[in-house]
């Protein structure tokens, strides 16, 4: 267990010394979050997404009925 902590401490020390890598590890998750949010429409001004309709039965009897095409 002590060996694992020594390895982790050594890696963190090297990471902090290299400023570019440290900034990359801090900034890239934020950039990816913004990119995927923009790509999937999280920042749109519209209401709900019409492409993904979600429905639920109003009563138990509707579950027993066969769907009609």
Protein backbone atom coordinates (compact mmCIF):
# COMPACT_ATOMS: atom_id res chain seq x y z
CA UNK A 1 0.00 0.00 0.00
CA UNK A 2 2.86 2.38 0.80
CA UNK A 3 4.39 1.63 -2.62
CA UNK A 4 1.18 2.68 -4.37
CA UNK A 5 1.07 5.96 -2.44
CA UNK A 6 4.72 6.63 -3.32
CA UNK A 7 4.01 6.11 -7.02
CA UNK A 8 0.93 8.36 -6.86
CA UNK A 9 2.87 11.07 -5.02
CA UNK A 10 5.67 10.91 -7.59
CA UNK A 11 3.19 11.20 -10.49
CA UNK A 12 1.41 14.15 -8.89
CA UNK A 13 4.71 15.90 -8.29
CA UNK A 14 5.69 15.48 -11.95
CA UNK A 15 2.25 16.67 -13.05
CA UNK A 16 2.48 19.87 -11.00
CA UNK A 17 5.95 20.60 -12.35
CA UNK A 18 4.73 20.51 -15.96
CA UNK A 19 2.38 23.50 -16.17
CA UNK A 20 1.03 22.71 -19.66
CA UNK A 21 -0.09 19.24 -18.67
CA UNK A 22 -1.63 20.54 -15.47
CA UNK A 23 -3.64 23.19 -17.34
CA UNK A 24 -4.65 20.63 -19.97
CA UNK A 25 -6.06 18.34 -17.28
CA UNK A 26 -8.02 21.20 -15.73
CA UNK A 27 -9.35 22.92 -18.86
CA UNK A 28 -10.12 20.03 -21.25
CA UNK A 29 -12.99 18.50 -19.21
CA UNK A 30 -14.70 21.90 -19.14
CA UNK A 31 -14.24 22.36 -22.89
CA UNK A 32 -15.56 18.87 -23.64
CA UNK A 33 -18.57 19.45 -21.39
CA UNK A 34 -19.39 22.66 -23.23
CA UNK A 35 -18.88 21.05 -26.65
CA UNK A 36 -21.12 18.07 -25.93
CA UNK A 37 -23.72 20.28 -24.28
CA UNK A 38 -23.82 22.50 -27.35
CA UNK A 39 -23.87 19.52 -29.74
CA UNK A 40 -26.80 17.84 -27.98
CA UNK A 41 -28.79 21.04 -27.52
CA UNK A 42 -28.47 21.72 -23.82
CA UNK A 43 -28.02 25.43 -24.53
CA UNK A 44 -30.99 25.82 -26.87
CA UNK A 45 -33.62 28.41 -26.04
CA UNK A 46 -36.49 26.15 -27.10
CA UNK A 47 -38.68 24.03 -24.88
CA UNK A 48 -38.65 20.28 -24.82
CA UNK A 49 -37.02 18.29 -27.58
CA UNK A 50 -39.64 16.97 -30.01
CA UNK A 51 -37.27 14.32 -31.35
CA UNK A 52 -37.43 12.30 -28.14
CA UNK A 53 -41.09 11.80 -27.23
CA UNK A 54 -41.70 10.09 -23.93
CA UNK A 55 -45.10 8.76 -22.97
CA UNK A 56 -46.69 6.90 -20.14
CA UNK A 57 -50.07 5.19 -19.77
CA UNK A 58 -52.71 7.13 -17.90
CA UNK A 59 -54.25 4.08 -16.29
CA UNK A 60 -53.55 0.43 -15.65
CA UNK A 61 -56.15 -0.61 -18.24
CA UNK A 62 -54.13 1.04 -21.00
CA UNK A 63 -51.26 -1.29 -20.22
CA UNK A 64 -53.47 -4.31 -20.92
CA UNK A 65 -54.60 -3.07 -24.32
CA UNK A 66 -52.81 -4.09 -27.48
CA UNK A 67 -51.19 -1.27 -29.40
CA UNK A 68 -52.83 -0.36 -32.69
CA UNK A 69 -50.73 0.51 -35.69
